[in-house]
Every structure is written in C-alpha cells, then in structure tokens.
Protein backbone atom coordinates (compact mmCIF):
# COMPACT_ATOMS: atom_id res chain seq x y z
CA MET A 1 3.64 10.95 -16.89
CA ARG A 2 4.07 10.44 -13.07
CA LYS A 3 5.26 6.95 -12.27
CA VAL A 4 4.77 6.66 -8.47
CA LYS A 5 1.21 6.51 -7.39
CA ILE A 6 -0.54 8.30 -4.47
CA VAL A 7 -2.82 6.59 -1.97
CA CYS A 8 -5.06 8.75 0.18
CA THR A 9 -6.64 7.68 3.44
CA LEU A 10 -10.26 8.86 3.55
CA GLY A 11 -12.04 10.52 6.51
CA PRO A 12 -13.89 13.61 7.51
CA SER A 13 -11.45 15.92 5.68
CA ALA A 14 -12.11 13.95 2.40
CA ALA A 15 -15.88 13.61 2.70
CA GLY A 16 -18.19 14.53 -0.21
CA ILE A 17 -17.94 14.09 -4.00
CA PRO A 18 -16.61 17.64 -4.56
CA ARG A 19 -13.69 17.24 -2.15
CA LEU A 20 -12.98 13.70 -3.47
CA LYS A 21 -12.89 15.06 -7.03
CA GLN A 22 -10.38 17.71 -5.83
CA LEU A 23 -8.17 14.98 -4.40
CA VAL A 24 -8.37 12.93 -7.67
CA GLU A 25 -7.51 16.02 -9.73
CA ALA A 26 -4.62 16.82 -7.30
CA GLY A 27 -3.12 13.30 -7.92
CA MET A 28 -4.95 10.66 -5.85
CA ASP A 29 -4.65 7.26 -7.57
CA ALA A 30 -6.03 5.10 -4.83
CA ALA A 31 -8.29 5.54 -1.84
CA ARG A 32 -7.91 3.77 1.53
CA LEU A 33 -10.91 2.98 3.68
CA ASN A 34 -9.55 2.51 7.19
CA PHE A 35 -11.82 -0.03 8.95
CA SER A 36 -10.20 0.81 12.26
CA HIS A 37 -12.62 3.76 12.35
CA GLY A 38 -16.13 4.36 11.07
CA THR A 39 -19.32 2.33 10.53
CA HIS A 40 -20.18 0.17 7.59
CA GLU A 41 -22.69 2.69 6.46
CA GLU A 42 -20.04 5.45 6.60
CA HIS A 43 -17.67 3.29 4.55
CA ARG A 44 -20.45 2.55 2.08
CA ARG A 45 -21.25 6.22 1.61
CA MET A 46 -17.49 7.06 1.14
CA PHE A 47 -17.03 4.20 -1.32
CA LEU A 48 -19.96 5.31 -3.56
CA ASP A 49 -18.80 8.92 -3.44
CA VAL A 50 -15.18 7.77 -4.44
CA ARG A 51 -16.57 5.84 -7.42
CA ALA A 52 -18.69 8.87 -8.41
CA ALA A 53 -15.76 11.24 -8.16
CA ALA A 54 -13.54 8.94 -10.21
CA LEU A 55 -16.22 8.72 -12.87
CA GLN A 56 -16.56 12.44 -13.00
CA ALA A 57 -12.79 12.83 -13.26
CA GLY A 58 -12.62 10.12 -15.98
CA LYS A 59 -9.89 8.26 -14.11
CA PRO A 60 -9.77 4.62 -12.81
CA LEU A 61 -9.12 4.60 -9.09
CA ALA A 62 -8.15 1.71 -6.71
CA VAL A 63 -10.13 1.42 -3.51
CA ILE A 64 -8.27 -0.45 -0.65
CA ALA A 65 -10.16 -1.74 2.37
CA ASP A 66 -7.65 -1.70 5.32
CA LEU A 67 -8.68 -4.29 7.91
CA CYS A 68 -8.15 -3.40 11.55
CA GLY A 69 -6.60 -6.54 12.97
CA PRO A 70 -6.46 -7.25 16.66
CA LYS A 71 -6.09 -3.82 18.37
CA ILE A 72 -4.59 -4.03 21.85
CA ARG A 73 -5.36 -0.93 23.82
CA VAL A 74 -5.50 0.33 27.33
CA GLY A 75 -8.92 1.22 28.74
CA PRO A 76 -10.08 4.62 30.10
CA VAL A 77 -7.92 6.36 32.73
CA GLU A 78 -9.14 8.57 35.47
CA GLY A 79 -9.30 12.21 34.36
CA GLY A 80 -8.57 11.22 30.75
CA GLY A 81 -4.83 10.93 31.41
CA VAL A 82 -2.46 9.70 34.15
CA ALA A 83 1.12 10.76 34.68
CA LEU A 84 3.59 7.87 35.10
CA LYS A 85 7.11 8.25 36.33
CA PRO A 86 10.19 6.20 35.40
CA GLY A 87 10.91 3.50 38.02
CA GLN A 88 7.42 3.38 39.49
CA PRO A 89 5.48 0.00 39.66
CA ILE A 90 2.39 -0.45 37.55
CA ILE A 91 -0.07 -3.32 37.25
CA LEU A 92 -1.72 -4.29 33.92
CA ALA A 93 -5.09 -6.13 34.22
CA ALA A 94 -7.67 -7.11 31.60
CA GLY A 95 -10.87 -5.07 31.67
CA ASN A 96 -12.46 -1.86 30.74
CA ARG A 97 -12.47 -0.08 34.09
CA ALA A 98 -10.93 3.27 34.63
CA GLY A 99 -7.19 2.96 35.43
CA ASN A 100 -4.93 5.12 37.56
CA ALA A 101 -1.32 5.49 38.50
CA ASP A 102 -1.27 2.10 40.19
CA ARG A 103 -3.32 -0.05 37.83
CA ILE A 104 -4.05 0.14 34.13
CA PHE A 105 -6.67 -1.96 32.43
CA HIS A 106 -6.30 -3.30 28.87
CA SER A 107 -8.15 -5.16 26.10
CA TYR A 108 -6.05 -8.29 25.72
CA PRO A 109 -6.94 -11.04 28.34
CA PRO A 110 -4.21 -13.46 27.16
CA LEU A 111 -1.49 -11.04 28.31
CA SER A 112 -1.05 -12.63 31.69
CA ARG A 113 -0.52 -16.06 30.00
CA GLU A 114 1.89 -14.83 27.39
CA ALA A 115 4.02 -12.25 29.28
CA ARG A 116 7.36 -13.28 30.69
CA ARG A 117 9.81 -11.46 32.96
CA GLY A 118 11.86 -8.95 30.88
CA ASP A 119 9.22 -8.54 28.12
CA ARG A 120 8.83 -4.95 26.87
CA ILE A 121 5.39 -3.26 26.64
CA LEU A 122 5.19 -0.10 24.57
CA LEU A 123 2.23 2.32 24.74
CA ASP A 124 1.07 5.25 22.73
CA ASP A 125 3.27 4.46 19.69
CA GLY A 126 6.29 3.80 21.94
CA MET A 127 6.12 7.03 23.80
CA LEU A 128 5.88 5.14 27.07
CA GLU A 129 7.55 1.86 27.95
CA PHE A 130 7.05 -0.78 30.67
CA VAL A 131 9.05 -3.79 31.42
CA VAL A 132 7.50 -7.00 32.87
CA GLU A 133 8.76 -8.05 36.25
CA SER A 134 6.35 -10.86 37.20
CA VAL A 135 2.91 -12.41 36.61
CA ARG A 136 0.43 -12.82 39.48
CA GLY A 137 -2.71 -14.65 38.39
CA ASP A 138 -4.51 -12.42 35.82
CA GLU A 139 -2.20 -9.48 36.59
CA VAL A 140 1.08 -8.48 34.96
CA LEU A 141 3.32 -6.51 37.31
CA CYS A 142 5.49 -4.05 35.52
CA ARG A 143 7.94 -1.23 36.08
CA VAL A 144 7.82 2.06 34.11
CA VAL A 145 10.95 2.48 31.98
CA THR A 146 9.90 5.54 30.01
CA GLY A 147 7.27 7.66 31.66
CA GLY A 148 4.83 10.27 30.48
CA VAL A 149 1.08 10.92 30.46
CA LEU A 150 -0.89 7.88 29.38
CA LYS A 151 -4.23 8.85 27.88
CA ASP A 152 -7.49 6.92 27.42
CA HIS A 153 -7.54 4.02 24.86
CA LYS A 154 -3.93 4.39 23.68
CA GLY A 155 -2.54 1.39 21.74
CA MET A 156 -0.23 -1.25 23.26
CA ASN A 157 2.55 -3.00 21.32
CA LEU A 158 4.09 -6.21 22.68
CA PRO A 159 7.26 -6.67 20.48
CA THR A 160 9.00 -9.33 22.58
CA MET A 161 5.90 -11.58 23.11
CA LYS A 162 4.62 -14.42 20.87
CA LEU A 163 0.99 -13.52 20.74
CA SER A 164 -1.88 -15.96 20.22
CA ALA A 165 -4.20 -13.28 18.73
CA PRO A 166 -5.22 -14.20 15.14
CA ALA A 167 -4.48 -11.80 12.22
CA LEU A 168 -8.21 -12.09 11.32
CA THR A 169 -10.50 -11.18 14.17
CA GLU A 170 -14.26 -11.61 13.99
CA LYS A 171 -14.62 -7.93 13.26
CA ASP A 172 -12.18 -8.33 10.36
CA ARG A 173 -14.19 -11.22 9.02
CA GLU A 174 -17.35 -9.13 9.04
CA ASP A 175 -15.51 -6.17 7.55
CA LEU A 176 -14.00 -8.38 4.80
CA ARG A 177 -17.37 -9.78 3.79
CA PHE A 178 -18.81 -6.23 3.74
CA ALA A 179 -15.83 -4.91 1.71
CA ARG A 180 -16.27 -7.73 -0.86
CA GLU A 181 -19.94 -6.83 -1.15
CA LEU A 182 -19.02 -3.21 -1.87
CA GLY A 183 -16.68 -4.32 -4.56
CA VAL A 184 -13.32 -2.85 -3.31
CA ASP A 185 -10.25 -3.50 -5.40
CA TYR A 186 -7.81 -4.58 -2.70
CA LEU A 187 -7.86 -5.76 0.87
CA ALA A 188 -5.01 -4.86 3.29
CA LEU A 189 -4.40 -7.39 6.15
CA SER A 190 -2.98 -6.10 9.44
CA PHE A 191 -1.05 -8.07 12.06
CA VAL A 192 0.56 -10.39 9.49
CA ARG A 193 3.12 -12.74 10.94
CA THR A 194 3.06 -15.84 8.72
CA PRO A 195 2.08 -16.73 5.17
CA GLU A 196 -0.76 -18.71 6.65
CA ASP A 197 -2.30 -15.45 7.82
CA ILE A 198 -2.45 -14.30 4.13
CA ARG A 199 -3.80 -17.65 2.95
CA ALA A 200 -6.56 -17.43 5.59
CA ALA A 201 -7.61 -14.00 4.33
CA LYS A 202 -7.47 -15.03 0.71
CA GLU A 203 -9.80 -17.96 1.36
CA LEU A 204 -12.43 -15.35 2.35
CA ALA A 205 -11.41 -12.70 -0.20
CA GLY A 206 -13.12 -14.35 -3.17
CA GLY A 207 -10.42 -13.28 -5.58
CA THR A 208 -9.92 -9.76 -4.22
CA PRO A 209 -6.19 -9.23 -3.99
CA VAL A 210 -4.76 -9.20 -0.43
CA ILE A 211 -1.96 -6.79 0.51
CA ALA A 212 0.23 -7.83 3.41
CA LYS A 213 0.93 -4.98 5.87
CA ILE A 214 4.52 -5.55 7.05
CA GLU A 215 4.42 -4.11 10.58
CA LYS A 216 5.74 -6.86 12.93
CA PRO A 217 9.23 -8.39 13.43
CA GLU A 218 7.69 -11.84 12.88
CA ALA A 219 6.66 -10.78 9.36
CA VAL A 220 10.18 -9.58 8.64
CA ALA A 221 11.56 -13.00 9.73
CA ARG A 222 9.40 -14.72 7.12
CA LEU A 223 9.26 -11.91 4.62
CA GLU A 224 10.00 -13.94 1.45
CA GLU A 225 7.25 -16.46 2.20
CA ILE A 226 4.76 -13.72 3.01
CA LEU A 227 5.45 -11.76 -0.11
CA GLU A 228 5.11 -14.86 -2.23
CA ALA A 229 1.74 -15.58 -0.68
CA ALA A 230 0.32 -12.00 -0.77
CA ASP A 231 -0.80 -9.98 -3.81
CA GLY A 232 1.14 -6.93 -2.62
CA ALA A 233 2.76 -5.30 0.34
CA MET A 234 2.57 -2.27 2.58
CA VAL A 235 5.64 -0.98 4.47
CA ALA A 236 3.58 -0.02 7.53
CA ARG A 237 6.32 2.03 9.09
CA GLY A 238 4.33 3.15 12.17
CA ASP A 239 3.97 -0.10 13.97
CA LEU A 240 7.07 -1.47 12.34
CA GLY A 241 9.14 1.31 13.85
CA VAL A 242 7.59 0.88 17.27
CA GLU A 243 8.09 -2.85 17.35
CA ALA A 244 11.40 -3.29 15.47
CA GLY A 245 12.94 0.09 16.37
CA PRO A 246 12.73 3.30 14.29
CA GLU A 247 16.44 3.06 13.30
CA LYS A 248 15.69 -0.26 11.45
CA VAL A 249 12.89 1.09 9.27
CA PRO A 250 14.89 2.74 6.47
CA LEU A 251 16.77 -0.41 5.54
CA LEU A 252 13.72 -2.55 6.03
CA GLN A 253 11.78 -0.28 3.70
CA LYS A 254 14.38 -0.70 1.04
CA ARG A 255 14.50 -4.50 1.53
CA ILE A 256 10.75 -4.96 1.32
CA ILE A 257 10.52 -2.75 -1.80
CA ARG A 258 13.31 -4.67 -3.45
CA ASP A 259 11.97 -8.12 -2.50
CA ILE A 260 8.26 -7.66 -3.47
CA ARG A 261 9.40 -6.46 -6.97
CA LYS A 262 10.98 -9.96 -7.53
CA PHE A 263 7.41 -11.24 -7.57
CA ALA A 264 6.07 -8.31 -9.75
CA LYS A 265 3.56 -7.21 -7.09
CA PRO A 266 2.76 -3.66 -5.89
CA VAL A 267 4.21 -2.13 -2.75
CA ILE A 268 2.96 0.83 -0.80
CA THR A 269 5.15 2.88 1.53
CA ALA A 270 3.00 4.35 4.32
CA THR A 271 2.85 6.33 7.58
CA GLN A 272 3.83 9.86 8.41
CA MET A 273 4.81 10.73 4.83
CA LEU A 274 3.90 14.41 5.26
CA ASP A 275 2.67 14.18 8.83
CA SER A 276 3.18 17.93 9.69
CA MET A 277 0.70 18.80 6.92
CA ILE A 278 -2.11 17.53 9.20
CA ARG A 279 -1.64 20.97 10.83
CA ASN A 280 0.52 23.10 8.51
CA PRO A 281 0.15 24.02 4.82
CA ARG A 282 3.76 23.09 4.11
CA PRO A 283 5.80 20.07 4.96
CA THR A 284 9.18 19.92 6.75
CA ARG A 285 12.32 19.44 4.71
CA ALA A 286 12.85 16.12 6.42
CA GLU A 287 9.44 14.94 5.22
CA VAL A 288 10.19 15.98 1.73
CA SER A 289 13.45 14.00 1.82
CA ASP A 290 11.57 11.02 3.29
CA ALA A 291 8.99 11.03 0.50
CA ALA A 292 11.72 11.43 -2.11
CA ASN A 293 13.70 8.51 -0.64
CA ALA A 294 10.63 6.30 -1.02
CA VAL A 295 10.41 7.25 -4.69
CA LEU A 296 14.17 6.52 -5.21
CA ASP A 297 13.67 3.15 -3.43
CA GLY A 298 11.33 2.21 -6.30
CA THR A 299 8.01 2.04 -4.38
CA ASP A 300 4.89 1.67 -6.42
CA ALA A 301 2.86 4.09 -4.29
CA VAL A 302 3.24 6.41 -1.23
CA MET A 303 0.44 6.79 1.14
CA LEU A 304 -1.05 9.73 3.15
CA SER A 305 -2.86 8.90 6.32
CA GLY A 306 -4.06 11.63 8.71
CA GLU A 307 -2.94 14.20 6.17
CA THR A 308 -6.01 13.50 3.99
CA SER A 309 -8.41 11.76 6.46
CA VAL A 310 -8.41 14.38 9.28
CA GLY A 311 -5.91 17.04 8.25
CA GLN A 312 -6.52 20.68 7.69
CA TYR A 313 -4.87 20.65 4.21
CA PRO A 314 -5.79 17.43 2.38
CA VAL A 315 -5.70 18.71 -1.13
CA GLU A 316 -2.48 20.62 -0.52
CA ALA A 317 -0.91 17.47 0.96
CA VAL A 318 -1.61 15.51 -2.31
CA GLN A 319 -0.43 18.39 -4.45
CA THR A 320 2.77 18.56 -2.48
CA LEU A 321 3.36 14.91 -2.64
CA ARG A 322 2.78 14.90 -6.39
CA SER A 323 5.28 17.75 -6.92
CA ILE A 324 7.93 15.83 -4.86
CA ILE A 325 7.39 12.70 -6.98
CA GLU A 326 7.51 14.55 -10.20
CA GLU A 327 10.68 16.47 -9.22
CA ILE A 328 12.54 13.28 -8.23
CA GLU A 329 11.30 11.37 -11.39
CA SER A 330 12.36 14.19 -13.65
CA GLY A 331 15.87 14.11 -12.17
CA GLY A 332 15.60 17.80 -11.43
CA ALA A 333 18.90 19.69 -10.87
CA GLY A 334 20.55 16.56 -9.60
CA ALA A 335 20.78 14.62 -12.82
CA ALA A 336 23.07 15.65 -15.66
CA ASP A 337 20.81 14.17 -18.35
CA GLY A 338 17.50 14.92 -16.59
CA ARG A 339 16.70 11.27 -16.08
CA MET A 340 16.12 9.27 -12.95
CA ARG A 341 17.49 5.74 -12.81
CA LEU A 342 16.01 3.36 -10.27
CA PRO A 343 17.71 0.13 -9.18
CA CYS A 344 15.63 -2.72 -10.58
CA PRO A 345 15.97 -6.50 -10.60
CA GLU A 346 17.40 -8.21 -13.53
CA PRO A 347 14.95 -10.41 -15.49
CA GLY A 348 16.37 -13.66 -14.01
CA GLU A 349 16.11 -12.34 -10.47
CA ARG A 350 12.41 -11.47 -10.40
CA GLY A 351 11.22 -14.88 -9.16
CA VAL A 352 8.22 -14.97 -11.47
CA PRO A 353 6.50 -18.38 -11.10
CA ALA A 354 6.84 -20.77 -14.03
CA VAL A 355 3.18 -20.64 -14.77
CA HIS A 356 3.79 -17.08 -16.09
CA ALA A 357 6.69 -18.12 -18.41
CA PHE A 358 5.24 -16.90 -21.61
CA SER A 359 3.96 -13.63 -20.07
CA SER A 360 7.20 -12.96 -18.34
CA ALA A 361 9.22 -13.60 -21.46
CA ILE A 362 7.10 -11.23 -23.44
CA ALA A 363 7.46 -8.57 -20.64
CA ASP A 364 11.26 -9.02 -20.58
CA ALA A 365 11.43 -8.62 -24.39
CA CYS A 366 9.11 -5.61 -24.28
CA VAL A 367 11.27 -3.81 -21.72
CA GLU A 368 14.53 -4.79 -23.47
CA ALA A 369 13.12 -3.40 -26.78
CA SER A 370 12.13 -0.20 -24.93
CA ARG A 371 15.66 0.27 -23.63
CA CYS A 372 17.39 -0.51 -26.98
CA LEU A 373 14.99 1.44 -29.22
CA LYS A 374 14.00 4.29 -26.82
CA LEU A 375 10.36 3.50 -27.32
CA ALA A 376 7.76 6.19 -26.42
CA ALA A 377 5.23 3.84 -24.83
CA LEU A 378 4.51 0.22 -24.06
CA ALA A 379 0.89 -0.75 -24.71
CA VAL A 380 0.00 -3.85 -22.73
CA TYR A 381 -3.36 -5.67 -23.24
CA THR A 382 -4.33 -7.59 -20.15
CA GLU A 383 -7.24 -9.58 -18.85
CA THR A 384 -6.12 -9.83 -15.19
CA GLY A 385 -3.50 -7.05 -14.84
CA ARG A 386 -0.58 -9.59 -14.51
CA SER A 387 1.09 -8.66 -17.80
CA ALA A 388 1.08 -5.05 -16.89
CA ALA A 389 2.56 -5.91 -13.50
CA LEU A 390 5.36 -7.89 -15.06
CA VAL A 391 6.34 -4.92 -17.20
CA SER A 392 5.92 -2.41 -14.39
CA ALA A 393 8.16 -4.43 -12.07
CA GLN A 394 11.13 -3.75 -14.30
CA ARG A 395 10.60 -0.03 -13.99
CA PRO A 396 11.03 0.94 -17.70
CA GLU A 397 11.61 4.53 -18.67
CA ALA A 398 8.85 4.34 -21.39
CA SER A 399 5.27 4.96 -20.31
CA VAL A 400 3.32 1.70 -19.57
CA ILE A 401 -0.28 1.96 -20.98
CA ALA A 402 -2.36 -0.94 -19.78
CA PHE A 403 -5.55 -1.73 -21.80
CA SER A 404 -8.26 -3.93 -20.36
CA ARG A 405 -11.93 -4.42 -21.00
CA HIS A 406 -12.60 -5.08 -17.24
CA PRO A 407 -13.31 -2.02 -15.07
CA GLN A 408 -12.04 -3.71 -11.85
CA VAL A 409 -8.77 -4.63 -13.53
CA LEU A 410 -8.38 -0.99 -14.60
CA ASN A 411 -8.98 0.15 -11.05
CA ARG A 412 -6.45 -2.28 -9.67
CA LEU A 413 -3.89 -1.24 -12.26
CA ALA A 414 -4.13 2.35 -10.95
CA LEU A 415 -1.88 1.30 -8.01
CA LEU A 416 1.01 -0.06 -10.14
CA TRP A 417 4.18 2.02 -10.75
CA GLY A 418 4.21 3.75 -14.09
CA VAL A 419 1.00 2.19 -15.34
CA LYS A 420 -1.76 4.31 -16.92
CA PRO A 421 -4.96 2.20 -17.25
CA LEU A 422 -7.12 2.71 -20.39
CA ASN A 423 -10.23 0.91 -21.57
CA GLY A 424 -9.49 -1.52 -24.41
CA GLN A 425 -12.04 -3.82 -26.03
CA TRP A 426 -11.41 -7.14 -27.79
CA VAL A 427 -10.77 -6.62 -31.54
CA GLN A 428 -9.99 -8.97 -34.32
CA GLY A 429 -6.48 -9.75 -35.39
CA VAL A 430 -3.02 -8.21 -34.84
CA ALA A 431 -3.88 -5.25 -36.99
CA GLY A 432 -7.03 -4.54 -35.03
CA VAL A 433 -5.23 -4.50 -31.73
CA VAL A 434 -2.41 -2.28 -32.97
CA GLU A 435 -4.71 0.13 -34.64
CA GLN A 436 -6.85 0.51 -31.49
CA ALA A 437 -3.73 0.99 -29.33
CA GLU A 438 -2.46 3.66 -31.77
CA ALA A 439 -5.73 5.51 -31.87
CA GLU A 440 -6.16 5.62 -28.09
CA LEU A 441 -2.57 6.65 -27.39
CA LEU A 442 -2.91 9.51 -29.94
CA ARG A 443 -6.29 10.54 -28.43
CA HIS A 444 -4.93 10.74 -25.00
CA GLY A 445 -1.86 12.65 -26.08
CA LEU A 446 0.52 9.95 -24.93
CA VAL A 447 2.41 9.63 -28.20
CA ARG A 448 3.08 11.64 -31.41
CA PRO A 449 3.29 10.60 -35.07
CA GLY A 450 6.71 9.06 -35.67
CA ASP A 451 7.01 7.63 -32.20
CA ASP A 452 7.89 3.95 -31.80
CA ILE A 453 5.89 1.82 -29.47
CA ALA A 454 5.60 -1.85 -28.42
CA VAL A 455 2.24 -3.58 -28.16
CA THR A 456 1.79 -6.87 -26.21
CA PHE A 457 -1.32 -9.02 -26.16
CA GLY A 458 -2.59 -12.57 -26.30
CA MET A 459 -3.83 -14.41 -29.32
CA VAL A 460 -5.33 -17.94 -29.14
CA ILE A 461 -4.62 -20.41 -31.94
CA GLY A 462 -6.55 -23.67 -31.76
CA SER A 463 -6.99 -25.01 -28.20
CA GLU A 464 -3.92 -23.42 -26.58
CA PRO A 465 -4.57 -21.60 -23.27
CA PHE A 466 -5.07 -17.82 -23.41
CA GLN A 467 -1.94 -15.88 -22.29
CA THR A 468 0.18 -13.01 -23.45
CA ASN A 469 2.15 -14.38 -26.35
CA ILE A 470 2.54 -11.61 -28.91
CA LEU A 471 4.93 -8.60 -29.05
CA LYS A 472 4.54 -6.13 -31.93
CA LEU A 473 6.78 -3.14 -32.62
CA TRP A 474 5.02 -0.23 -34.37
CA LYS A 475 5.67 3.32 -35.59
CA ILE A 476 2.79 5.71 -34.83
CA ARG A 477 1.29 7.04 -38.09
CA ASN A 478 -0.29 10.40 -38.85
CA PRO A 479 -4.00 10.13 -37.96
C-alpha cells in the first residue's frame, strides 16, 4: 500500500467527473481548490464533481481550499511587456494604469510607507530584481538589478520589508465562508507570518483544519509556534524560494517536515514537483530526484500544481508521481532487504500535548508492537482522526487502517501518511470491534489468515471521558 499521498490542484485540465475519476484511479488522494483563480460558482461545480468522482471510485478524498492571501502584483504594461535593463532607474507607484520603462504601477499602496533604501523587490517569481534607492511621496524610486521583460500583472515579492498586509484579506474571508459552506476538509492559509495569523483563520474556520503555508522568512523565524497553532503545514517552495533564496529550500523542507511530525500533523510538499510535465509527457531526471527526496524526507503528501490544473498530461503526471513514490517506498534496487527506512522522531520527541496522553501512549505501544511482532496491519478506530495521526507520525512499516463512522473524518484521513481510511460503525464490546476490523481487513484484501494485527479503540467505563484507551493484539482467522 502506497504511504505518501498525492494532492492534485484542480483547474481546466481536471474538469468533469470522468477526468476527475481518472485522476482518482491514477492515485489522487486529495484535491486542491486554488482560490487565487476562478469564481465561487466554478469552485462549487468542481467540488461537487470531486465528491461524485470519489463516490464512484469508492475512495475517501480530502478537498483543500487554498486561500489566496494578499497578492501584490504589477498592473498592466504597455504592449503587454516592457524590457528593463540592469542599472536603469525605475519608479514604482500604486495604481492600475499601464506602466512603461520609466514607471510601473502596482497593487500595494502601503509600499511607499514601508520601503527603505536598500530593500529588494523581486518580480515574476524572482526573474527580475529592483533595489530601492529612495522614496518620494507616494513613489518608490528604484534601480534595476536584474533585468528582463516584465509582463502584465506579474507578482511582486518584498522579502526585506516588514509588510502591514494581513494574512486574511476581505476576499479570503469571503472565500473561507464559502468554502465552509461547501464542506471542504481543509483550509490552506497563505502569507502566514505569525501564529496569530493561524488563530485568526481558525476563529472563522468553524472547526475545519487550517494548514499553514510556509512561504515567508518571517514564518520560518517562528516556525515552531506556527506549527503548534496550525493543523498541518505546506512547504510552499515557490514563494519560499523567491523570498528566502532557492539554495535554502532543500534544508528548510527537511526541517519543516521533521518539525511538524513532532506534533503529529500532516505536511504537504508543494510547487514544481513535475513542472515540465505541464508541457511534456515525461519528467526530467532532476524532477524525479526531487520528488523522491520529498518521499525520503518523510512528507505526508506531495502536490502537483500546474501539472494537473492546466497541464497537457494531468493523468500521466499523477501516474508518474505514484510510480516514483512506490519505487522509493519499496526500496527498489537501492535497498538490500527491499525496505525503506525513514527517519522518524522518537516517542518522547513528538511534542504531543498532555491532553492526548492516553491516545499517544496507545499509539506508541501500537507502533512498538508492530516493530517487535512484525504486524501486518494496525487498525485504528477514531472519532476525530487524532489517534490515526499519532500512529502515522511514527511512520510504522505496517499498514495503518483508520476506521471511522464520520465521512468527513475519513476524507481528512486521506491526507495522512500511510493511512487507508475505511468506514467503521460503532459496535458492542471488544469482540465486536475486533471482529469488525478483521472482517473489513479481509474483505479489502489488506490481510490474510494467520496475519497478526493490532486494533486500537476507545471504551467508556462509567463517567470517564471518551478517548483511545484499548490496544488489542489479534491473529486473523480463516473466514
């Protein structure tokens, strides 16, 4: 069973139930609705089609609403593009008029208040660079450091400035409310700089988990606090590479993946995973190595962006990513015993809050039993998904089968490393739970008679609070 999950960004190339079903069958585990593009009606239609395709495929699927955040862009430019040469002066001014080689307009009015001499301004994903020389009223006087052709509406990154723009814009608040009404499984928050940004989003989220997109140096500076406040993380390597420097991204990726697992929360590695497959039917060898490295880092999921939203080969991109993951997880020719071993935190290092003490102790015991006894599967009954996350965070070799009676919990579990979500109803007594788990595991071909498994669940005695407090070891019988 594949452990690392695949997130697909949806767009025109993924439109329609037949195509979405192809993506699910190819390996899609989660769908990303990118609220930087499209109308609410378009997102509603895509959401309903995703749910229909998942139902037809008989597979829980997580839907992530990715909020836009404050987008700072240049306005239109004369002729659709203007050539800028290194060393030439250029003026930046707020507005939406057509710019030229002397003056470029932009969408961020506070720039003239926040810019200081020496600040760097990056445009078009860092392809062009300006440096601030002075401020004159509402105008920012710059000099071109790295030139090129600047086209209409390209993005601006301001890595050396302390920006006043909030993580949640008014558009984000409207999109968040709409996404909640749809019933998405996760919200992804852009432009995160502080844990307070996450808390503000969670106040509006109504219980929907909020994923922190780590894309700014300020977020890296307060990483531990942000990861503790969030319900998951995304290594947003595009903006992170532009703002922090591309050479810093590989080690930051490893650090974020390592640190979020201390809290037993999912992490997605994103951006340009198989970027050349937007245009070509096969990836480059460098892209294959990049995707493989994310798997080896221990990420919960890898994400495709333009490859599946606007690319020419969306299904092939998912199939390719799946084959890379499966090859690395199997150990391939590179492992003498055919097994991959991922670095994972020791039980005492995971930073699980004390409120989860019983659940985390059961999870630790379950994983330790799996290692000692070479268990075939770990059946985890869960009401919220937390028990399954605690087991998943330790990256056990055994398959993790999470049973829940709640459809949305099953959908959310689809994002977690190594977790296969299955419907599991409440039954009476220890024997009832074990017999249900045994029957379902056999029915889905996940175990064979004679296999040893662990089953974890909660049982309430008297007035004690409901939590995972039972671990049962079991040998699968002949049906």
